[in-house]
Structure formats: structure tokens, C-alpha cells
Amino acid sequence: MGTLNFEQKHIPSSKIWHFDTLNEWTDASQKTDGKRHYKLLNNALLQLYTNPNTEERSKIKSLDKFNLGSFTWRLYVPELGKGDNSSIGAFLFHDDQHELDFEIGYGTNTVRKELKAKEDDVVVYMSSQGFPSICKKIVLKRAQWYEVTIELKKGKNNNTIAYWKINHELKFKTQLQYGESIYYKLYCSMENLSFMGDHLPKKLNYALFDYVKFDKPTE
């Protein structure tokens, strides 16, 4: 019988992080001059923000790593600046080729036209960054709370199938070209990303996170 590695032996069956503390998270921000543009609010919410006219990328990541299972973020999508390239992120990251994302932002004018977005809509990207590189875009209403979930299950040839869900409703799935040997850290972010809008943000944009949850597969 093969020996389980450290990560496999220590993954819990379920775990939930409430944001009254960041003890099990660490800073992962970029382009913020060493500043941490996030804070815990009195009602146990995590707020991340980016300043106008910057390329700031405000992020935290989990200390623990996970592979198969269900990963859920409960987050609030505010009214983001029109055309601003600010993006709310809930994602799993191993490296640049093994990354699975929700990115939620205003969207470029071209993409909004493509999706027939209404004034009170935001654009959601659900993507695998590599193996395969694939993406689906949809719209959601702003000024609402959502549960967004990435579920990873064992599929054909021991490769992983990824499912993207919003409020428990399946929105997208794809067969990945790798399996459970890949371990991810969980991220919460607010980033100014060029593809998410037509210009640098003209206002301070923010995101709120209520909790993050992990559950091992039941099958």
C-alpha cells in the first residue's frame, strides 16, 4: 500500500472560515506597496478594496491546501464603478496553469454587449487558466449576496471534473487534464485587472466576504 503524503492525511472532512479572525489566512496582495487593503468588520465580514487609478491587487490566501471537494464563498457584489476594471475574486490557485476562478466585475463594453447585460448587471468569468484554458461568461445582478462554489470531483482517467455553481445552481463544468495530485490554496480578492473593464477604476471599489467553506466529496 502506498504512503499518504502529509497533505492527504491532514485534509479535514469539512471546514468553515468565519471572518472574525484571519488566523488561518495570509496576505497575498500585489502592487499595493506593501499595504494591506483589507480589514475585518465588526459584523465578522472581510472587506477588501482597491483604490482608484491604480493596478492594486488586494488578496488573502489560506494557509492550508486542498484537492478534491467543494469550495464555497459567500460574498457580496456591490455597485462597481461603470467601466472600472475592478474584479471580485473567489478562486483556487496552485500555479499559473492550475488555477480555477470566479472573477466578478463590471466588464468591458464589448463583453457587456455580447452578454446583453442590463444596467444593474455585472459580468462573471468562470475559468480554468490551463489544462485546459477555458472560460464561460454570464451576468449577475449587483447589490446582492451570492454563494459561489467550485466543486472538484474525480472524473475519467482519474482526472478532475470542475463544476462552477452559483447559489447551488450549476453554471459551468469542464474536465480538467490533471487529477487530485494538484493541491490548491483558497483565495479571496479584490483586484484591478485589465480584462474586467475599460479603464482603471475611477472610484474605490470593494468586496465583502461572509465566510468560506470546504467540504470533502461524499462519493
C-alpha atoms as a PDB file:
ATOM      1  CA  MET A   1       0.000   0.000   0.000  1.00  0.00           C
ATOM      2  CA  GLY A   2       1.316   3.464  -0.919  1.00  0.00           C
ATOM      3  CA  THR A   3       2.085   6.017   1.753  1.00  0.00           C
ATOM      4  CA  LEU A   4      -0.193   9.010   2.043  1.00  0.00           C
ATOM      5  CA  ASN A   5       1.624  12.296   1.862  1.00  0.00           C
ATOM      6  CA  PHE A   6       1.303  14.930   4.585  1.00  0.00           C
ATOM      7  CA  GLU A   7      -1.329  16.939   2.734  1.00  0.00           C
ATOM      8  CA  GLN A   8      -3.586  13.940   2.092  1.00  0.00           C
ATOM      9  CA  LYS A   9      -3.529  12.836   5.739  1.00  0.00           C
ATOM     10  CA  HIS A  10      -4.393  16.235   7.144  1.00  0.00           C
ATOM     11  CA  ILE A  11      -7.266  17.469   4.946  1.00  0.00           C
ATOM     12  CA  PRO A  12     -10.378  17.724   7.159  1.00  0.00           C
ATOM     13  CA  SER A  13     -13.738  16.389   6.002  1.00  0.00           C
ATOM     14  CA  SER A  14     -15.199  19.889   6.264  1.00  0.00           C
ATOM     15  CA  LYS A  15     -14.108  23.328   7.380  1.00  0.00           C
ATOM     16  CA  ILE A  16     -15.612  26.796   7.537  1.00  0.00           C
ATOM     17  CA  TRP A  17     -13.841  30.105   7.971  1.00  0.00           C
ATOM     18  CA  HIS A  18     -15.818  32.967   9.507  1.00  0.00           C
ATOM     19  CA  PHE A  19     -14.121  36.326   9.241  1.00  0.00           C
ATOM     20  CA  ASP A  20     -13.865  37.264  12.889  1.00  0.00           C
ATOM     21  CA  THR A  21     -10.180  36.359  12.513  1.00  0.00           C
ATOM     22  CA  LEU A  22      -7.555  35.892   9.790  1.00  0.00           C
ATOM     23  CA  ASN A  23      -5.501  33.386  11.785  1.00  0.00           C
ATOM     24  CA  GLU A  24      -5.631  30.747   9.032  1.00  0.00           C
ATOM     25  CA  TRP A  25      -5.044  33.181   6.167  1.00  0.00           C
ATOM     26  CA  THR A  26      -2.065  35.146   4.927  1.00  0.00           C
ATOM     27  CA  ASP A  27      -1.528  38.191   2.745  1.00  0.00           C
ATOM     28  CA  ALA A  28      -1.103  37.599  -0.987  1.00  0.00           C
ATOM     29  CA  SER A  29      -1.510  41.166  -2.276  1.00  0.00           C
ATOM     30  CA  GLN A  30       0.348  42.574  -5.264  1.00  0.00           C
ATOM     31  CA  LYS A  31       1.019  46.139  -6.417  1.00  0.00           C
ATOM     32  CA  THR A  32      -0.100  47.645  -3.101  1.00  0.00           C
ATOM     33  CA  ASP A  33       3.307  48.974  -1.956  1.00  0.00           C
ATOM     34  CA  GLY A  34       3.244  46.567   0.955  1.00  0.00           C
ATOM     35  CA  LYS A  35      -0.070  47.895   2.256  1.00  0.00           C
ATOM     36  CA  ARG A  36      -2.948  45.605   3.132  1.00  0.00           C
ATOM     37  CA  HIS A  37      -6.148  46.915   1.641  1.00  0.00           C
ATOM     38  CA  TYR A  38      -8.465  44.671   3.615  1.00  0.00           C
ATOM     39  CA  LYS A  39      -9.936  44.570   7.102  1.00  0.00           C
ATOM     40  CA  LEU A  40     -12.306  42.665   9.342  1.00  0.00           C
ATOM     41  CA  LEU A  41     -15.549  44.494  10.034  1.00  0.00           C
ATOM     42  CA  ASN A  42     -17.350  44.373  13.373  1.00  0.00           C
ATOM     43  CA  ASN A  43     -20.045  42.082  11.988  1.00  0.00           C
ATOM     44  CA  ALA A  44     -17.452  39.406  11.101  1.00  0.00           C
ATOM     45  CA  LEU A  45     -17.175  40.309   7.440  1.00  0.00           C
ATOM     46  CA  LEU A  46     -13.988  40.588   5.422  1.00  0.00           C
ATOM     47  CA  GLN A  47     -13.762  43.721   3.294  1.00  0.00           C
ATOM     48  CA  LEU A  48     -11.183  44.013   0.527  1.00  0.00           C
ATOM     49  CA  TYR A  49     -10.818  47.151  -1.579  1.00  0.00           C
ATOM     50  CA  THR A  50      -8.742  48.787  -4.299  1.00  0.00           C
ATOM     51  CA  ASN A  51      -8.079  52.468  -4.771  1.00  0.00           C
ATOM     52  CA  PRO A  52      -8.922  54.474  -7.912  1.00  0.00           C
ATOM     53  CA  ASN A  53      -6.348  54.976 -10.657  1.00  0.00           C
ATOM     54  CA  THR A  54      -4.213  52.031  -9.529  1.00  0.00           C
ATOM     55  CA  GLU A  55      -3.400  48.467 -10.552  1.00  0.00           C
ATOM     56  CA  GLU A  56      -3.743  47.245  -6.973  1.00  0.00           C
ATOM     57  CA  ARG A  57      -4.424  43.562  -6.366  1.00  0.00           C
ATOM     58  CA  SER A  58      -5.662  43.001  -2.825  1.00  0.00           C
ATOM     59  CA  LYS A  59      -5.722  39.318  -1.837  1.00  0.00           C
ATOM     60  CA  ILE A  60      -5.596  36.854   1.017  1.00  0.00           C
ATOM     61  CA  LYS A  61      -4.944  33.111   0.718  1.00  0.00           C
ATOM     62  CA  SER A  62      -5.491  30.134   3.003  1.00  0.00           C
ATOM     63  CA  LEU A  63      -2.564  28.612   4.841  1.00  0.00           C
ATOM     64  CA  ASP A  64      -3.919  25.114   4.192  1.00  0.00           C
ATOM     65  CA  LYS A  65      -4.030  23.327   0.834  1.00  0.00           C
ATOM     66  CA  PHE A  66      -6.813  21.144  -0.549  1.00  0.00           C
ATOM     67  CA  ASN A  67      -7.540  18.967  -3.588  1.00  0.00           C
ATOM     68  CA  LEU A  68     -10.919  17.301  -4.266  1.00  0.00           C
ATOM     69  CA  GLY A  69     -14.011  18.727  -2.654  1.00  0.00           C
ATOM     70  CA  SER A  70     -16.485  21.582  -2.671  1.00  0.00           C
ATOM     71  CA  PHE A  71     -15.268  25.160  -2.060  1.00  0.00           C
ATOM     72  CA  THR A  72     -17.853  27.851  -1.324  1.00  0.00           C
ATOM     73  CA  TRP A  73     -17.505  31.601  -0.807  1.00  0.00           C
ATOM     74  CA  ARG A  74     -20.404  33.733   0.400  1.00  0.00           C
ATOM     75  CA  LEU A  75     -19.760  37.194  -0.993  1.00  0.00           C
ATOM     76  CA  TYR A  76     -21.447  40.498  -1.637  1.00  0.00           C
ATOM     77  CA  VAL A  77     -21.325  42.162  -5.045  1.00  0.00           C
ATOM     78  CA  PRO A  78     -21.777  45.937  -4.687  1.00  0.00           C
ATOM     79  CA  GLU A  79     -22.399  48.532  -7.373  1.00  0.00           C
ATOM     80  CA  LEU A  80     -18.982  48.644  -9.025  1.00  0.00           C
ATOM     81  CA  GLY A  81     -17.800  51.696 -10.930  1.00  0.00           C
ATOM     82  CA  LYS A  82     -19.042  51.868 -14.526  1.00  0.00           C
ATOM     83  CA  GLY A  83     -16.250  50.663 -16.818  1.00  0.00           C
ATOM     84  CA  ASP A  84     -13.877  50.153 -13.881  1.00  0.00           C
ATOM     85  CA  ASN A  85     -11.614  47.143 -14.233  1.00  0.00           C
ATOM     86  CA  SER A  86     -12.060  46.082 -10.592  1.00  0.00           C
ATOM     87  CA  SER A  87     -12.799  42.407 -10.023  1.00  0.00           C
ATOM     88  CA  ILE A  88     -14.053  40.407  -7.048  1.00  0.00           C
ATOM     89  CA  GLY A  89     -12.258  37.082  -6.985  1.00  0.00           C
ATOM     90  CA  ALA A  90     -13.051  33.740  -5.356  1.00  0.00           C
ATOM     91  CA  PHE A  91     -10.591  31.177  -6.644  1.00  0.00           C
ATOM     92  CA  LEU A  92      -8.327  28.163  -6.188  1.00  0.00           C
ATOM     93  CA  PHE A  93      -4.637  28.535  -7.020  1.00  0.00           C
ATOM     94  CA  HIS A  94      -1.777  26.042  -7.335  1.00  0.00           C
ATOM     95  CA  ASP A  95       0.223  27.854 -10.009  1.00  0.00           C
ATOM     96  CA  ASP A  96      -0.498  29.927 -13.125  1.00  0.00           C
ATOM     97  CA  GLN A  97      -1.524  26.827 -15.108  1.00  0.00           C
ATOM     98  CA  HIS A  98      -3.558  25.219 -12.324  1.00  0.00           C
ATOM     99  CA  GLU A  99      -5.999  27.931 -11.269  1.00  0.00           C
ATOM    100  CA  LEU A 100      -9.811  27.844 -11.135  1.00  0.00           C
ATOM    101  CA  ASP A 101     -11.658  31.138 -10.794  1.00  0.00           C
ATOM    102  CA  PHE A 102     -14.716  33.170 -10.236  1.00  0.00           C
ATOM    103  CA  GLU A 103     -13.994  36.768 -11.276  1.00  0.00           C
ATOM    104  CA  ILE A 104     -16.857  39.256 -10.937  1.00  0.00           C
ATOM    105  CA  GLY A 105     -16.672  42.796 -12.274  1.00  0.00           C
ATOM    106  CA  TYR A 106     -18.335  45.468 -14.365  1.00  0.00           C
ATOM    107  CA  GLY A 107     -16.918  44.035 -17.603  1.00  0.00           C
ATOM    108  CA  THR A 108     -15.794  45.721 -20.774  1.00  0.00           C
ATOM    109  CA  ASN A 109     -18.319  47.367 -23.048  1.00  0.00           C
ATOM    110  CA  THR A 110     -17.652  44.668 -25.671  1.00  0.00           C
ATOM    111  CA  VAL A 111     -18.370  41.811 -23.269  1.00  0.00           C
ATOM    112  CA  ARG A 112     -21.427  43.527 -21.821  1.00  0.00           C
ATOM    113  CA  LYS A 113     -22.862  43.891 -25.320  1.00  0.00           C
ATOM    114  CA  GLU A 114     -22.048  40.249 -26.068  1.00  0.00           C
ATOM    115  CA  LEU A 115     -23.926  39.150 -22.931  1.00  0.00           C
ATOM    116  CA  LYS A 116     -26.757  41.695 -23.367  1.00  0.00           C
ATOM    117  CA  ALA A 117     -26.023  42.993 -19.864  1.00  0.00           C
ATOM    118  CA  LYS A 118     -28.537  45.358 -18.285  1.00  0.00           C
ATOM    119  CA  GLU A 119     -27.540  48.442 -16.321  1.00  0.00           C
ATOM    120  CA  ASP A 120     -27.707  46.630 -12.970  1.00  0.00           C
ATOM    121  CA  ASP A 121     -25.786  43.559 -14.196  1.00  0.00           C
ATOM    122  CA  VAL A 122     -22.186  42.609 -13.513  1.00  0.00           C
ATOM    123  CA  VAL A 123     -20.119  40.132 -15.508  1.00  0.00           C
ATOM    124  CA  VAL A 124     -18.931  36.809 -14.088  1.00  0.00           C
ATOM    125  CA  TYR A 125     -15.978  34.899 -15.533  1.00  0.00           C
ATOM    126  CA  MET A 126     -15.743  31.208 -14.589  1.00  0.00           C
ATOM    127  CA  SER A 127     -12.432  29.891 -15.811  1.00  0.00           C
ATOM    128  CA  SER A 128      -9.687  27.304 -15.780  1.00  0.00           C
ATOM    129  CA  GLN A 129      -6.365  29.017 -16.514  1.00  0.00           C
ATOM    130  CA  GLY A 130      -4.690  25.948 -18.032  1.00  0.00           C
ATOM    131  CA  PHE A 131      -5.102  22.250 -18.895  1.00  0.00           C
ATOM    132  CA  PRO A 132      -7.482  23.271 -20.423  1.00  0.00           C
ATOM    133  CA  SER A 133      -7.590  27.044 -20.760  1.00  0.00           C
ATOM    134  CA  ILE A 134     -11.327  27.657 -20.889  1.00  0.00           C
ATOM    135  CA  CYS A 135     -13.815  30.265 -19.735  1.00  0.00           C
ATOM    136  CA  LYS A 136     -17.557  30.888 -19.552  1.00  0.00           C
ATOM    137  CA  LYS A 137     -19.072  34.341 -19.011  1.00  0.00           C
ATOM    138  CA  ILE A 138     -22.514  35.130 -17.581  1.00  0.00           C
ATOM    139  CA  VAL A 139     -24.215  38.092 -15.891  1.00  0.00           C
ATOM    140  CA  LEU A 140     -25.479  38.553 -12.318  1.00  0.00           C
ATOM    141  CA  LYS A 141     -27.369  41.336 -10.571  1.00  0.00           C
ATOM    142  CA  ARG A 142     -25.288  43.721  -8.461  1.00  0.00           C
ATOM    143  CA  ALA A 143     -26.025  44.733  -4.838  1.00  0.00           C
ATOM    144  CA  GLN A 144     -26.742  41.162  -3.759  1.00  0.00           C
ATOM    145  CA  TRP A 145     -25.176  38.358  -1.724  1.00  0.00           C
ATOM    146  CA  TYR A 146     -24.212  35.153  -3.512  1.00  0.00           C
ATOM    147  CA  GLU A 147     -22.790  31.759  -2.675  1.00  0.00           C
ATOM    148  CA  VAL A 148     -20.308  30.795  -5.375  1.00  0.00           C
ATOM    149  CA  THR A 149     -18.933  27.260  -5.412  1.00  0.00           C
ATOM    150  CA  ILE A 150     -16.182  25.404  -7.236  1.00  0.00           C
ATOM    151  CA  GLU A 151     -16.632  21.656  -6.825  1.00  0.00           C
ATOM    152  CA  LEU A 152     -13.873  19.223  -7.798  1.00  0.00           C
ATOM    153  CA  LYS A 153     -14.650  15.526  -8.312  1.00  0.00           C
ATOM    154  CA  LYS A 154     -12.707  12.592  -9.703  1.00  0.00           C
ATOM    155  CA  GLY A 155     -13.547  12.059 -13.370  1.00  0.00           C
ATOM    156  CA  LYS A 156     -12.308   9.992 -16.315  1.00  0.00           C
ATOM    157  CA  ASN A 157      -8.790   8.560 -16.165  1.00  0.00           C
ATOM    158  CA  ASN A 158      -8.542   9.892 -12.581  1.00  0.00           C
ATOM    159  CA  ASN A 159      -8.595  13.443 -13.905  1.00  0.00           C
ATOM    160  CA  THR A 160     -10.703  16.025 -12.112  1.00  0.00           C
ATOM    161  CA  ILE A 161     -14.059  17.434 -13.213  1.00  0.00           C
ATOM    162  CA  ALA A 162     -14.627  21.031 -12.110  1.00  0.00           C
ATOM    163  CA  TYR A 163     -18.121  22.421 -11.528  1.00  0.00           C
ATOM    164  CA  TRP A 164     -18.897  26.121 -11.069  1.00  0.00           C
ATOM    165  CA  LYS A 165     -22.136  26.819  -9.162  1.00  0.00           C
ATOM    166  CA  ILE A 166     -23.909  29.986  -8.024  1.00  0.00           C
ATOM    167  CA  ASN A 167     -26.452  29.662  -5.235  1.00  0.00           C
ATOM    168  CA  HIS A 168     -26.232  25.865  -5.708  1.00  0.00           C
ATOM    169  CA  GLU A 169     -27.173  26.098  -9.402  1.00  0.00           C
ATOM    170  CA  LEU A 170     -24.694  24.623 -11.883  1.00  0.00           C
ATOM    171  CA  LYS A 171     -23.454  27.255 -14.336  1.00  0.00           C
ATOM    172  CA  PHE A 172     -20.435  25.594 -15.972  1.00  0.00           C
ATOM    173  CA  LYS A 173     -18.333  22.448 -15.838  1.00  0.00           C
ATOM    174  CA  THR A 174     -15.242  21.119 -17.553  1.00  0.00           C
ATOM    175  CA  GLN A 175     -12.987  18.060 -17.497  1.00  0.00           C
ATOM    176  CA  LEU A 176      -9.512  19.057 -16.346  1.00  0.00           C
ATOM    177  CA  GLN A 177      -6.376  17.442 -17.749  1.00  0.00           C
ATOM    178  CA  TYR A 178      -4.942  16.664 -14.328  1.00  0.00           C
ATOM    179  CA  GLY A 179      -6.083  14.996 -11.133  1.00  0.00           C
ATOM    180  CA  GLU A 180      -6.026  15.045  -7.357  1.00  0.00           C
ATOM    181  CA  SER A 181      -2.240  15.317  -7.109  1.00  0.00           C
ATOM    182  CA  ILE A 182      -2.756  19.081  -7.547  1.00  0.00           C
ATOM    183  CA  TYR A 183      -3.370  20.932  -4.282  1.00  0.00           C
ATOM    184  CA  TYR A 184      -4.854  24.420  -4.109  1.00  0.00           C
ATOM    185  CA  LYS A 185      -4.939  27.297  -1.700  1.00  0.00           C
ATOM    186  CA  LEU A 186      -8.175  29.279  -1.453  1.00  0.00           C
ATOM    187  CA  TYR A 187      -8.169  32.987  -2.279  1.00  0.00           C
ATOM    188  CA  CYS A 188     -10.439  35.957  -1.629  1.00  0.00           C
ATOM    189  CA  SER A 189      -9.548  39.019  -3.660  1.00  0.00           C
ATOM    190  CA  MET A 190     -10.390  42.455  -4.987  1.00  0.00           C
ATOM    191  CA  GLU A 191      -8.108  43.232  -7.937  1.00  0.00           C
ATOM    192  CA  ASN A 192      -7.865  45.818 -10.666  1.00  0.00           C
ATOM    193  CA  LEU A 193      -7.484  43.553 -13.717  1.00  0.00           C
ATOM    194  CA  SER A 194      -7.282  44.924 -17.233  1.00  0.00           C
ATOM    195  CA  PHE A 195      -9.705  42.431 -18.822  1.00  0.00           C
ATOM    196  CA  MET A 196     -12.502  43.229 -16.361  1.00  0.00           C
ATOM    197  CA  GLY A 197     -13.222  46.769 -17.524  1.00  0.00           C
ATOM    198  CA  ASP A 198     -12.385  49.513 -19.998  1.00  0.00           C
ATOM    199  CA  HIS A 199     -10.207  51.653 -17.725  1.00  0.00           C
ATOM    200  CA  LEU A 200      -8.511  51.920 -14.355  1.00  0.00           C
ATOM    201  CA  PRO A 201     -11.130  52.388 -11.640  1.00  0.00           C
ATOM    202  CA  LYS A 202     -12.363  55.907 -11.079  1.00  0.00           C
ATOM    203  CA  LYS A 203     -13.605  55.137  -7.566  1.00  0.00           C
ATOM    204  CA  LEU A 204     -12.716  52.944  -4.616  1.00  0.00           C
ATOM    205  CA  ASN A 205     -14.273  49.527  -5.226  1.00  0.00           C
ATOM    206  CA  TYR A 206     -14.748  46.845  -2.596  1.00  0.00           C
ATOM    207  CA  ALA A 207     -15.970  43.327  -1.942  1.00  0.00           C
ATOM    208  CA  LEU A 208     -17.387  41.692   1.196  1.00  0.00           C
ATOM    209  CA  PHE A 209     -16.913  38.066   2.213  1.00  0.00           C
ATOM    210  CA  ASP A 210     -19.094  36.475   4.895  1.00  0.00           C
ATOM    211  CA  TYR A 211     -17.469  33.043   5.024  1.00  0.00           C
ATOM    212  CA  VAL A 212     -15.541  30.450   3.041  1.00  0.00           C
ATOM    213  CA  LYS A 213     -16.361  26.752   3.329  1.00  0.00           C
ATOM    214  CA  PHE A 214     -14.762  23.467   2.286  1.00  0.00           C
ATOM    215  CA  ASP A 215     -16.378  20.012   2.172  1.00  0.00           C
ATOM    216  CA  LYS A 216     -14.697  16.791   1.075  1.00  0.00           C
ATOM    217  CA  PRO A 217     -16.501  14.762  -1.607  1.00  0.00           C
ATOM    218  CA  THR A 218     -19.171  12.449  -0.229  1.00  0.00           C
ATOM    219  CA  GLU A 219     -18.792   9.916  -3.042  1.00  0.00           C
END
